[in-house]
Amino acid sequence: MIVTTTPTVEGRRITAYHGVVSGEAIFGANVFRDFFASIRDVVGGRSGSYERVLRDGRDTALQEMMDEAQRLGANAVVGVQLDYGSMGENQGMMMVTANGTAVTIE
């Protein structure tokens, strides 16, 4: 399955549109990860644990979006957008969404 942020796939013609598809991943912030991330923020550097969680969330959201596109008979998703946000009590939950248009290309 081809997945792209562009509205077309260069050199390929879109022959059918199947509709908007999306995938979501929502996960809670871990207390220990929060604690160690705050220490790292004080001394500088990157929070590898948060980066891994966000990467896993992105991968999950993209996979759900691709699965939905495949169920609709598409072989590509164009115009993909990723969005990140926080939600829940005290913004303790993180959310990643992936949206795009499921299409069939030659």
PDB file of N, CA and C in Angstrom:
ATOM      1  N   MET A   1       0.851  -1.177   0.000  1.00  0.00           N
ATOM      2  CA  MET A   1       0.000   0.000   0.000  1.00  0.00           C
ATOM      3  C   MET A   1       0.894   1.236   0.000  1.00  0.00           C
ATOM      4  N   ILE A   2       0.601   2.143  -0.923  1.00  0.00           N
ATOM      5  CA  ILE A   2       1.328   3.413  -0.985  1.00  0.00           C
ATOM      6  C   ILE A   2       0.599   4.422  -0.103  1.00  0.00           C
ATOM      7  N   VAL A   3       1.336   5.095   0.760  1.00  0.00           N
ATOM      8  CA  VAL A   3       0.786   6.122   1.636  1.00  0.00           C
ATOM      9  C   VAL A   3       1.630   7.372   1.456  1.00  0.00           C
ATOM     10  N   THR A   4       0.962   8.486   1.137  1.00  0.00           N
ATOM     11  CA  THR A   4       1.699   9.713   0.867  1.00  0.00           C
ATOM     12  C   THR A   4       0.937  10.935   1.360  1.00  0.00           C
ATOM     13  N   THR A   5       1.685  11.958   1.711  1.00  0.00           N
ATOM     14  CA  THR A   5       1.068  13.214   2.141  1.00  0.00           C
ATOM     15  C   THR A   5       0.666  14.075   0.951  1.00  0.00           C
ATOM     16  N   THR A   6       1.113  13.715  -0.232  1.00  0.00           N
ATOM     17  CA  THR A   6       0.780  14.481  -1.431  1.00  0.00           C
ATOM     18  C   THR A   6      -0.593  14.070  -1.955  1.00  0.00           C
ATOM     19  N   PRO A   7      -1.242  14.932  -2.760  1.00  0.00           N
ATOM     20  CA  PRO A   7      -2.578  14.601  -3.251  1.00  0.00           C
ATOM     21  C   PRO A   7      -2.592  13.600  -4.403  1.00  0.00           C
ATOM     22  N   THR A   8      -1.434  13.303  -4.963  1.00  0.00           N
ATOM     23  CA  THR A   8      -1.323  12.338  -6.057  1.00  0.00           C
ATOM     24  C   THR A   8      -0.064  11.517  -5.846  1.00  0.00           C
ATOM     25  N   VAL A   9       0.072  10.472  -6.648  1.00  0.00           N
ATOM     26  CA  VAL A   9       1.293   9.658  -6.658  1.00  0.00           C
ATOM     27  C   VAL A   9       1.934   9.886  -8.017  1.00  0.00           C
ATOM     28  N   GLU A  10       3.123  10.450  -8.007  1.00  0.00           N
ATOM     29  CA  GLU A  10       3.783  10.806  -9.255  1.00  0.00           C
ATOM     30  C   GLU A  10       3.909   9.594 -10.183  1.00  0.00           C
ATOM     31  N   GLY A  11       3.503   9.803 -11.430  1.00  0.00           N
ATOM     32  CA  GLY A  11       3.600   8.747 -12.432  1.00  0.00           C
ATOM     33  C   GLY A  11       2.479   7.729 -12.386  1.00  0.00           C
ATOM     34  N   ARG A  12       1.550   7.875 -11.459  1.00  0.00           N
ATOM     35  CA  ARG A  12       0.434   6.932 -11.332  1.00  0.00           C
ATOM     36  C   ARG A  12      -0.871   7.712 -11.420  1.00  0.00           C
ATOM     37  N   ARG A  13      -1.862   7.150 -12.081  1.00  0.00           N
ATOM     38  CA  ARG A  13      -3.152   7.803 -12.237  1.00  0.00           C
ATOM     39  C   ARG A  13      -4.143   7.222 -11.230  1.00  0.00           C
ATOM     40  N   ILE A  14      -4.884   8.103 -10.558  1.00  0.00           N
ATOM     41  CA  ILE A  14      -5.936   7.663  -9.643  1.00  0.00           C
ATOM     42  C   ILE A  14      -7.143   7.257 -10.479  1.00  0.00           C
ATOM     43  N   THR A  15      -7.594   6.025 -10.296  1.00  0.00           N
ATOM     44  CA  THR A  15      -8.720   5.521 -11.081  1.00  0.00           C
ATOM     45  C   THR A  15     -10.018   5.442 -10.287  1.00  0.00           C
ATOM     46  N   ALA A  16      -9.927   5.482  -8.955  1.00  0.00           N
ATOM     47  CA  ALA A  16     -11.136   5.432  -8.126  1.00  0.00           C
ATOM     48  C   ALA A  16     -10.847   6.051  -6.763  1.00  0.00           C
ATOM     49  N   TYR A  17     -11.850   6.741  -6.247  1.00  0.00           N
ATOM     50  CA  TYR A  17     -11.794   7.302  -4.895  1.00  0.00           C
ATOM     51  C   TYR A  17     -12.739   6.496  -4.015  1.00  0.00           C
ATOM     52  N   HIS A  18     -12.256   6.102  -2.839  1.00  0.00           N
ATOM     53  CA  HIS A  18     -13.053   5.265  -1.941  1.00  0.00           C
ATOM     54  C   HIS A  18     -13.508   6.005  -0.689  1.00  0.00           C
ATOM     55  N   GLY A  19     -13.059   7.222  -0.506  1.00  0.00           N
ATOM     56  CA  GLY A  19     -13.497   8.009   0.651  1.00  0.00           C
ATOM     57  C   GLY A  19     -12.387   8.271   1.648  1.00  0.00           C
ATOM     58  N   VAL A  20     -12.743   9.037   2.648  1.00  0.00           N
ATOM     59  CA  VAL A  20     -11.799   9.406   3.705  1.00  0.00           C
ATOM     60  C   VAL A  20     -11.634   8.224   4.658  1.00  0.00           C
ATOM     61  N   VAL A  21     -10.399   7.968   5.028  1.00  0.00           N
ATOM     62  CA  VAL A  21     -10.086   6.912   5.992  1.00  0.00           C
ATOM     63  C   VAL A  21      -9.278   7.524   7.130  1.00  0.00           C
ATOM     64  N   SER A  22      -9.365   6.896   8.290  1.00  0.00           N
ATOM     65  CA  SER A  22      -8.634   7.436   9.438  1.00  0.00           C
ATOM     66  C   SER A  22      -8.216   6.320  10.373  1.00  0.00           C
ATOM     67  N   GLY A  23      -7.274   6.644  11.219  1.00  0.00           N
ATOM     68  CA  GLY A  23      -6.823   5.742  12.263  1.00  0.00           C
ATOM     69  C   GLY A  23      -6.481   6.575  13.482  1.00  0.00           C
ATOM     70  N   GLU A  24      -6.714   6.021  14.652  1.00  0.00           N
ATOM     71  CA  GLU A  24      -6.447   6.735  15.885  1.00  0.00           C
ATOM     72  C   GLU A  24      -5.681   5.855  16.851  1.00  0.00           C
ATOM     73  N   ALA A  25      -4.859   6.501  17.651  1.00  0.00           N
ATOM     74  CA  ALA A  25      -4.177   5.809  18.745  1.00  0.00           C
ATOM     75  C   ALA A  25      -4.228   6.742  19.949  1.00  0.00           C
ATOM     76  N   ILE A  26      -4.764   6.241  21.051  1.00  0.00           N
ATOM     77  CA  ILE A  26      -4.848   7.017  22.289  1.00  0.00           C
ATOM     78  C   ILE A  26      -4.142   6.217  23.368  1.00  0.00           C
ATOM     79  N   PHE A  27      -3.264   6.870  24.099  1.00  0.00           N
ATOM     80  CA  PHE A  27      -2.498   6.168  25.116  1.00  0.00           C
ATOM     81  C   PHE A  27      -2.265   7.087  26.303  1.00  0.00           C
ATOM     82  N   GLY A  28      -2.114   6.481  27.477  1.00  0.00           N
ATOM     83  CA  GLY A  28      -1.904   7.237  28.707  1.00  0.00           C
ATOM     84  C   GLY A  28      -0.435   7.502  28.941  1.00  0.00           C
ATOM     85  N   ALA A  29      -0.178   8.601  29.629  1.00  0.00           N
ATOM     86  CA  ALA A  29       1.197   8.933  30.013  1.00  0.00           C
ATOM     87  C   ALA A  29       1.524   8.171  31.293  1.00  0.00           C
ATOM     88  N   ASN A  30       2.668   7.548  31.318  1.00  0.00           N
ATOM     89  CA  ASN A  30       3.117   6.752  32.450  1.00  0.00           C
ATOM     90  C   ASN A  30       3.759   7.649  33.508  1.00  0.00           C
ATOM     91  N   VAL A  31       3.446   7.426  34.783  1.00  0.00           N
ATOM     92  CA  VAL A  31       3.972   8.253  35.869  1.00  0.00           C
ATOM     93  C   VAL A  31       5.500   8.210  35.908  1.00  0.00           C
ATOM     94  N   PHE A  32       6.096   7.028  35.780  1.00  0.00           N
ATOM     95  CA  PHE A  32       7.554   6.931  35.840  1.00  0.00           C
ATOM     96  C   PHE A  32       8.205   7.596  34.628  1.00  0.00           C
ATOM     97  N   ARG A  33       7.599   7.411  33.456  1.00  0.00           N
ATOM     98  CA  ARG A  33       8.114   8.043  32.253  1.00  0.00           C
ATOM     99  C   ARG A  33       8.050   9.563  32.408  1.00  0.00           C
ATOM    100  N   ASP A  34       6.936  10.075  32.989  1.00  0.00           N
ATOM    101  CA  ASP A  34       6.794  11.512  33.238  1.00  0.00           C
ATOM    102  C   ASP A  34       7.900  12.006  34.158  1.00  0.00           C
ATOM    103  N   PHE A  35       8.163  11.250  35.221  1.00  0.00           N
ATOM    104  CA  PHE A  35       9.175  11.644  36.188  1.00  0.00           C
ATOM    105  C   PHE A  35      10.555  11.718  35.537  1.00  0.00           C
ATOM    106  N   PHE A  36      10.935  10.668  34.808  1.00  0.00           N
ATOM    107  CA  PHE A  36      12.249  10.653  34.190  1.00  0.00           C
ATOM    108  C   PHE A  36      12.355  11.667  33.053  1.00  0.00           C
ATOM    109  N   ALA A  37      11.260  11.907  32.350  1.00  0.00           N
ATOM    110  CA  ALA A  37      11.263  12.924  31.294  1.00  0.00           C
ATOM    111  C   ALA A  37      11.474  14.301  31.896  1.00  0.00           C
ATOM    112  N   SER A  38      10.860  14.570  33.064  1.00  0.00           N
ATOM    113  CA  SER A  38      11.041  15.887  33.685  1.00  0.00           C
ATOM    114  C   SER A  38      12.469  16.066  34.151  1.00  0.00           C
ATOM    115  N   ILE A  39      13.099  15.001  34.655  1.00  0.00           N
ATOM    116  CA  ILE A  39      14.514  15.098  35.042  1.00  0.00           C
ATOM    117  C   ILE A  39      15.374  15.380  33.818  1.00  0.00           C
ATOM    118  N   ARG A  40      15.133  14.685  32.735  1.00  0.00           N
ATOM    119  CA  ARG A  40      15.897  14.888  31.515  1.00  0.00           C
ATOM    120  C   ARG A  40      15.707  16.308  31.000  1.00  0.00           C
ATOM    121  N   ASP A  41      14.464  16.835  31.121  1.00  0.00           N
ATOM    122  CA  ASP A  41      14.203  18.201  30.682  1.00  0.00           C
ATOM    123  C   ASP A  41      15.018  19.203  31.489  1.00  0.00           C
ATOM    124  N   VAL A  42      15.232  18.919  32.778  1.00  0.00           N
ATOM    125  CA  VAL A  42      16.008  19.824  33.629  1.00  0.00           C
ATOM    126  C   VAL A  42      17.470  19.802  33.218  1.00  0.00           C
ATOM    127  N   VAL A  43      18.024  18.634  32.943  1.00  0.00           N
ATOM    128  CA  VAL A  43      19.441  18.526  32.608  1.00  0.00           C
ATOM    129  C   VAL A  43      19.691  18.641  31.110  1.00  0.00           C
ATOM    130  N   GLY A  44      18.652  18.740  30.321  1.00  0.00           N
ATOM    131  CA  GLY A  44      18.807  18.844  28.867  1.00  0.00           C
ATOM    132  C   GLY A  44      18.690  17.493  28.199  1.00  0.00           C
ATOM    133  N   GLY A  45      18.603  17.520  26.890  1.00  0.00           N
ATOM    134  CA  GLY A  45      18.516  16.278  26.140  1.00  0.00           C
ATOM    135  C   GLY A  45      17.101  15.987  25.709  1.00  0.00           C
ATOM    136  N   ARG A  46      16.945  14.864  25.075  1.00  0.00           N
ATOM    137  CA  ARG A  46      15.657  14.459  24.531  1.00  0.00           C
ATOM    138  C   ARG A  46      15.058  13.383  25.403  1.00  0.00           C
ATOM    139  N   SER A  47      13.731  13.307  25.378  1.00  0.00           N
ATOM    140  CA  SER A  47      13.027  12.281  26.135  1.00  0.00           C
ATOM    141  C   SER A  47      12.760  11.095  25.216  1.00  0.00           C
ATOM    142  N   GLY A  48      13.687  10.147  25.229  1.00  0.00           N
ATOM    143  CA  GLY A  48      13.574   8.972  24.369  1.00  0.00           C
ATOM    144  C   GLY A  48      12.322   8.163  24.634  1.00  0.00           C
ATOM    145  N   SER A  49      11.893   8.095  25.899  1.00  0.00           N
ATOM    146  CA  SER A  49      10.707   7.299  26.212  1.00  0.00           C
ATOM    147  C   SER A  49       9.461   7.904  25.586  1.00  0.00           C
ATOM    148  N   TYR A  50       9.310   9.223  25.647  1.00  0.00           N
ATOM    149  CA  TYR A  50       8.162   9.867  25.007  1.00  0.00           C
ATOM    150  C   TYR A  50       8.248   9.753  23.495  1.00  0.00           C
ATOM    151  N   GLU A  51       9.443   9.895  22.948  1.00  0.00           N
ATOM    152  CA  GLU A  51       9.603   9.778  21.498  1.00  0.00           C
ATOM    153  C   GLU A  51       9.180   8.394  21.023  1.00  0.00           C
ATOM    154  N   ARG A  52       9.533   7.359  21.754  1.00  0.00           N
ATOM    155  CA  ARG A  52       9.141   5.993  21.388  1.00  0.00           C
ATOM    156  C   ARG A  52       7.623   5.826  21.447  1.00  0.00           C
ATOM    157  N   VAL A  53       6.997   6.369  22.490  1.00  0.00           N
ATOM    158  CA  VAL A  53       5.545   6.255  22.618  1.00  0.00           C
ATOM    159  C   VAL A  53       4.857   6.983  21.467  1.00  0.00           C
ATOM    160  N   LEU A  54       5.322   8.179  21.125  1.00  0.00           N
ATOM    161  CA  LEU A  54       4.728   8.919  20.012  1.00  0.00           C
ATOM    162  C   LEU A  54       4.940   8.193  18.690  1.00  0.00           C
ATOM    163  N   ARG A  55       6.116   7.623  18.495  1.00  0.00           N
ATOM    164  CA  ARG A  55       6.392   6.865  17.269  1.00  0.00           C
ATOM    165  C   ARG A  55       5.480   5.651  17.177  1.00  0.00           C
ATOM    166  N   ASP A  56       5.321   4.934  18.286  1.00  0.00           N
ATOM    167  CA  ASP A  56       4.424   3.766  18.298  1.00  0.00           C
ATOM    168  C   ASP A  56       2.987   4.195  18.017  1.00  0.00           C
ATOM    169  N   GLY A  57       2.568   5.322  18.600  1.00  0.00           N
ATOM    170  CA  GLY A  57       1.227   5.839  18.351  1.00  0.00           C
ATOM    171  C   GLY A  57       1.021   6.204  16.897  1.00  0.00           C
ATOM    172  N   ARG A  58       2.015   6.861  16.306  1.00  0.00           N
ATOM    173  CA  ARG A  58       1.936   7.218  14.881  1.00  0.00           C
ATOM    174  C   ARG A  58       1.830   5.971  14.025  1.00  0.00           C
ATOM    175  N   ASP A  59       2.661   4.974  14.307  1.00  0.00           N
ATOM    176  CA  ASP A  59       2.640   3.737  13.528  1.00  0.00           C
ATOM    177  C   ASP A  59       1.294   3.026  13.647  1.00  0.00           C
ATOM    178  N   THR A  60       0.715   3.018  14.848  1.00  0.00           N
ATOM    179  CA  THR A  60      -0.588   2.388  15.067  1.00  0.00           C
ATOM    180  C   THR A  60      -1.676   3.119  14.287  1.00  0.00           C
ATOM    181  N   ALA A  61      -1.686   4.454  14.369  1.00  0.00           N
ATOM    182  CA  ALA A  61      -2.703   5.242  13.659  1.00  0.00           C
ATOM    183  C   ALA A  61      -2.591   5.037  12.151  1.00  0.00           C
ATOM    184  N   LEU A  62      -1.369   5.042  11.615  1.00  0.00           N
ATOM    185  CA  LEU A  62      -1.178   4.830  10.179  1.00  0.00           C
ATOM    186  C   LEU A  62      -1.631   3.435   9.762  1.00  0.00           C
ATOM    187  N   GLN A  63      -1.309   2.430  10.570  1.00  0.00           N
ATOM    188  CA  GLN A  63      -1.702   1.059  10.236  1.00  0.00           C
ATOM    189  C   GLN A  63      -3.216   0.906  10.235  1.00  0.00           C
ATOM    190  N   GLU A  64      -3.898   1.504  11.215  1.00  0.00           N
ATOM    191  CA  GLU A  64      -5.370   1.439  11.244  1.00  0.00           C
ATOM    192  C   GLU A  64      -5.956   2.120  10.009  1.00  0.00           C
ATOM    193  N   MET A  65      -5.379   3.249   9.609  1.00  0.00           N
ATOM    194  CA  MET A  65      -5.850   3.958   8.428  1.00  0.00           C
ATOM    195  C   MET A  65      -5.659   3.093   7.174  1.00  0.00           C
ATOM    196  N   MET A  66      -4.491   2.461   7.042  1.00  0.00           N
ATOM    197  CA  MET A  66      -4.229   1.604   5.891  1.00  0.00           C
ATOM    198  C   MET A  66      -5.151   0.384   5.877  1.00  0.00           C
ATOM    199  N   ASP A  67      -5.419  -0.184   7.046  1.00  0.00           N
ATOM    200  CA  ASP A  67      -6.329  -1.336   7.132  1.00  0.00           C
ATOM    201  C   ASP A  67      -7.726  -0.958   6.647  1.00  0.00           C
ATOM    202  N   GLU A  68      -8.191   0.231   7.056  1.00  0.00           N
ATOM    203  CA  GLU A  68      -9.507   0.695   6.610  1.00  0.00           C
ATOM    204  C   GLU A  68      -9.521   0.903   5.093  1.00  0.00           C
ATOM    205  N   ALA A  69      -8.459   1.486   4.553  1.00  0.00           N
ATOM    206  CA  ALA A  69      -8.371   1.706   3.105  1.00  0.00           C
ATOM    207  C   ALA A  69      -8.399   0.378   2.356  1.00  0.00           C
ATOM    208  N   GLN A  70      -7.680  -0.605   2.861  1.00  0.00           N
ATOM    209  CA  GLN A  70      -7.650  -1.914   2.210  1.00  0.00           C
ATOM    210  C   GLN A  70      -9.029  -2.573   2.232  1.00  0.00           C
ATOM    211  N   ARG A  71      -9.754  -2.427   3.361  1.00  0.00           N
ATOM    212  CA  ARG A  71     -11.115  -2.985   3.442  1.00  0.00           C
ATOM    213  C   ARG A  71     -12.036  -2.355   2.399  1.00  0.00           C
ATOM    214  N   LEU A  72     -11.758  -1.102   2.021  1.00  0.00           N
ATOM    215  CA  LEU A  72     -12.571  -0.411   1.020  1.00  0.00           C
ATOM    216  C   LEU A  72     -12.142  -0.750  -0.409  1.00  0.00           C
ATOM    217  N   GLY A  73     -11.061  -1.525  -0.566  1.00  0.00           N
ATOM    218  CA  GLY A  73     -10.586  -1.907  -1.886  1.00  0.00           C
ATOM    219  C   GLY A  73      -9.536  -0.984  -2.461  1.00  0.00           C
ATOM    220  N   ALA A  74      -8.986  -0.100  -1.661  1.00  0.00           N
ATOM    221  CA  ALA A  74      -7.959   0.837  -2.127  1.00  0.00           C
ATOM    222  C   ALA A  74      -6.579   0.187  -2.110  1.00  0.00           C
ATOM    223  N   ASN A  75      -5.682   0.718  -2.939  1.00  0.00           N
ATOM    224  CA  ASN A  75      -4.290   0.272  -2.896  1.00  0.00           C
ATOM    225  C   ASN A  75      -3.338   1.415  -2.568  1.00  0.00           C
ATOM    226  N   ALA A  76      -3.917   2.586  -2.197  1.00  0.00           N
ATOM    227  CA  ALA A  76      -3.106   3.734  -1.801  1.00  0.00           C
ATOM    228  C   ALA A  76      -3.946   4.683  -0.951  1.00  0.00           C
ATOM    229  N   VAL A  77      -3.258   5.515  -0.169  1.00  0.00           N
ATOM    230  CA  VAL A  77      -3.911   6.587   0.580  1.00  0.00           C
ATOM    231  C   VAL A  77      -3.127   7.860   0.283  1.00  0.00           C
ATOM    232  N   VAL A  78      -3.828   8.874  -0.205  1.00  0.00           N
ATOM    233  CA  VAL A  78      -3.184  10.139  -0.552  1.00  0.00           C
ATOM    234  C   VAL A  78      -3.675  11.242   0.393  1.00  0.00           C
ATOM    235  N   GLY A  79      -2.909  12.345   0.429  1.00  0.00           N
ATOM    236  CA  GLY A  79      -3.285  13.488   1.250  1.00  0.00           C
ATOM    237  C   GLY A  79      -3.278  13.199   2.737  1.00  0.00           C
ATOM    238  N   VAL A  80      -2.369  12.347   3.183  1.00  0.00           N
ATOM    239  CA  VAL A  80      -2.340  11.934   4.584  1.00  0.00           C
ATOM    240  C   VAL A  80      -1.889  13.087   5.482  1.00  0.00           C
ATOM    241  N   GLN A  81      -2.609  13.246   6.575  1.00  0.00           N
ATOM    242  CA  GLN A  81      -2.250  14.231   7.591  1.00  0.00           C
ATOM    243  C   GLN A  81      -2.180  13.531   8.942  1.00  0.00           C
ATOM    244  N   LEU A  82      -1.175  13.891   9.722  1.00  0.00           N
ATOM    245  CA  LEU A  82      -1.028  13.376  11.081  1.00  0.00           C
ATOM    246  C   LEU A  82      -1.304  14.508  12.053  1.00  0.00           C
ATOM    247  N   ASP A  83      -1.966  14.188  13.162  1.00  0.00           N
ATOM    248  CA  ASP A  83      -2.251  15.189  14.174  1.00  0.00           C
ATOM    249  C   ASP A  83      -1.977  14.580  15.542  1.00  0.00           C
ATOM    250  N   TYR A  84      -1.399  15.375  16.412  1.00  0.00           N
ATOM    251  CA  TYR A  84      -1.081  14.949  17.767  1.00  0.00           C
ATOM    252  C   TYR A  84      -1.792  15.868  18.745  1.00  0.00           C
ATOM    253  N   GLY A  85      -2.274  15.319  19.855  1.00  0.00           N
ATOM    254  CA  GLY A  85      -2.931  16.146  20.853  1.00  0.00           C
ATOM    255  C   GLY A  85      -2.982  15.449  22.190  1.00  0.00           C
ATOM    256  N   SER A  86      -3.415  16.198  23.186  1.00  0.00           N
ATOM    257  CA  SER A  86      -3.593  15.630  24.516  1.00  0.00           C
ATOM    258  C   SER A  86      -5.052  15.778  24.908  1.00  0.00           C
ATOM    259  N   MET A  87      -5.496  14.906  25.791  1.00  0.00           N
ATOM    260  CA  MET A  87      -6.896  14.920  26.194  1.00  0.00           C
ATOM    261  C   MET A  87      -7.030  14.264  27.553  1.00  0.00           C
ATOM    262  N   GLY A  88      -8.232  14.286  28.082  1.00  0.00           N
ATOM    263  CA  GLY A  88      -8.503  13.630  29.349  1.00  0.00           C
ATOM    264  C   GLY A  88      -8.224  14.532  30.533  1.00  0.00           C
ATOM    265  N   GLU A  89      -8.459  13.966  31.697  1.00  0.00           N
ATOM    266  CA  GLU A  89      -8.234  14.699  32.935  1.00  0.00           C
ATOM    267  C   GLU A  89      -6.763  15.072  33.053  1.00  0.00           C
ATOM    268  N   ASN A  90      -6.497  16.331  33.303  1.00  0.00           N
ATOM    269  CA  ASN A  90      -5.126  16.858  33.410  1.00  0.00           C
ATOM    270  C   ASN A  90      -4.311  16.599  32.153  1.00  0.00           C
ATOM    271  N   GLN A  91      -4.997  16.455  31.016  1.00  0.00           N
ATOM    272  CA  GLN A  91      -4.320  16.211  29.736  1.00  0.00           C
ATOM    273  C   GLN A  91      -3.390  14.999  29.828  1.00  0.00           C
ATOM    274  N   GLY A  92      -3.819  13.970  30.569  1.00  0.00           N
ATOM    275  CA  GLY A  92      -2.989  12.798  30.819  1.00  0.00           C
ATOM    276  C   GLY A  92      -2.983  11.764  29.715  1.00  0.00           C
ATOM    277  N   MET A  93      -3.762  11.986  28.662  1.00  0.00           N
ATOM    278  CA  MET A  93      -3.805  11.038  27.557  1.00  0.00           C
ATOM    279  C   MET A  93      -3.269  11.726  26.302  1.00  0.00           C
ATOM    280  N   MET A  94      -2.528  10.976  25.517  1.00  0.00           N
ATOM    281  CA  MET A  94      -2.014  11.486  24.239  1.00  0.00           C
ATOM    282  C   MET A  94      -2.791  10.810  23.112  1.00  0.00           C
ATOM    283  N   MET A  95      -2.996  11.568  22.020  1.00  0.00           N
ATOM    284  CA  MET A  95      -3.748  11.028  20.891  1.00  0.00           C
ATOM    285  C   MET A  95      -2.995  11.336  19.600  1.00  0.00           C
ATOM    286  N   VAL A  96      -2.940  10.352  18.733  1.00  0.00           N
ATOM    287  CA  VAL A  96      -2.389  10.527  17.388  1.00  0.00           C
ATOM    288  C   VAL A  96      -3.468  10.103  16.408  1.00  0.00           C
ATOM    289  N   THR A  97      -3.736  10.944  15.418  1.00  0.00           N
ATOM    290  CA  THR A  97      -4.696  10.576  14.377  1.00  0.00           C
ATOM    291  C   THR A  97      -4.026  10.677  13.018  1.00  0.00           C
ATOM    292  N   ALA A  98      -4.424   9.795  12.118  1.00  0.00           N
ATOM    293  CA  ALA A  98      -3.966   9.811  10.732  1.00  0.00           C
ATOM    294  C   ALA A  98      -5.199   9.804   9.849  1.00  0.00           C
ATOM    295  N   ASN A  99      -5.273  10.729   8.895  1.00  0.00           N
ATOM    296  CA  ASN A  99      -6.406  10.832   7.983  1.00  0.00           C
ATOM    297  C   ASN A  99      -5.896  10.973   6.550  1.00  0.00           C
ATOM    298  N   GLY A 100      -6.640  10.439   5.622  1.00  0.00           N
ATOM    299  CA  GLY A 100      -6.287  10.576   4.211  1.00  0.00           C
ATOM    300  C   GLY A 100      -7.436  10.099   3.340  1.00  0.00           C
ATOM    301  N   THR A 101      -7.206  10.113   2.028  1.00  0.00           N
ATOM    302  CA  THR A 101      -8.202   9.662   1.067  1.00  0.00           C
ATOM    303  C   THR A 101      -7.759   8.334   0.477  1.00  0.00           C
ATOM    304  N   ALA A 102      -8.612   7.322   0.609  1.00  0.00           N
ATOM    305  CA  ALA A 102      -8.330   6.000   0.052  1.00  0.00           C
ATOM    306  C   ALA A 102      -8.622   6.029  -1.448  1.00  0.00           C
ATOM    307  N   VAL A 103      -7.659   5.572  -2.231  1.00  0.00           N
ATOM    308  CA  VAL A 103      -7.812   5.594  -3.686  1.00  0.00           C
ATOM    309  C   VAL A 103      -7.286   4.293  -4.284  1.00  0.00           C
ATOM    310  N   THR A 104      -7.670   4.061  -5.552  1.00  0.00           N
ATOM    311  CA  THR A 104      -7.054   3.010  -6.353  1.00  0.00           C
ATOM    312  C   THR A 104      -6.224   3.715  -7.401  1.00  0.00           C
ATOM    313  N   ILE A 105      -4.969   3.287  -7.535  1.00  0.00           N
ATOM    314  CA  ILE A 105      -4.082   3.858  -8.566  1.00  0.00           C
ATOM    315  C   ILE A 105      -3.670   2.758  -9.511  1.00  0.00           C
ATOM    316  N   GLU A 106      -3.303   3.179 -10.742  1.00  0.00           N
ATOM    317  CA  GLU A 106      -2.851   2.204 -11.744  1.00  0.00           C
ATOM    318  C   GLU A 106      -1.502   1.665 -11.372  1.00  0.00           C
TER     319      GLU A 106
END
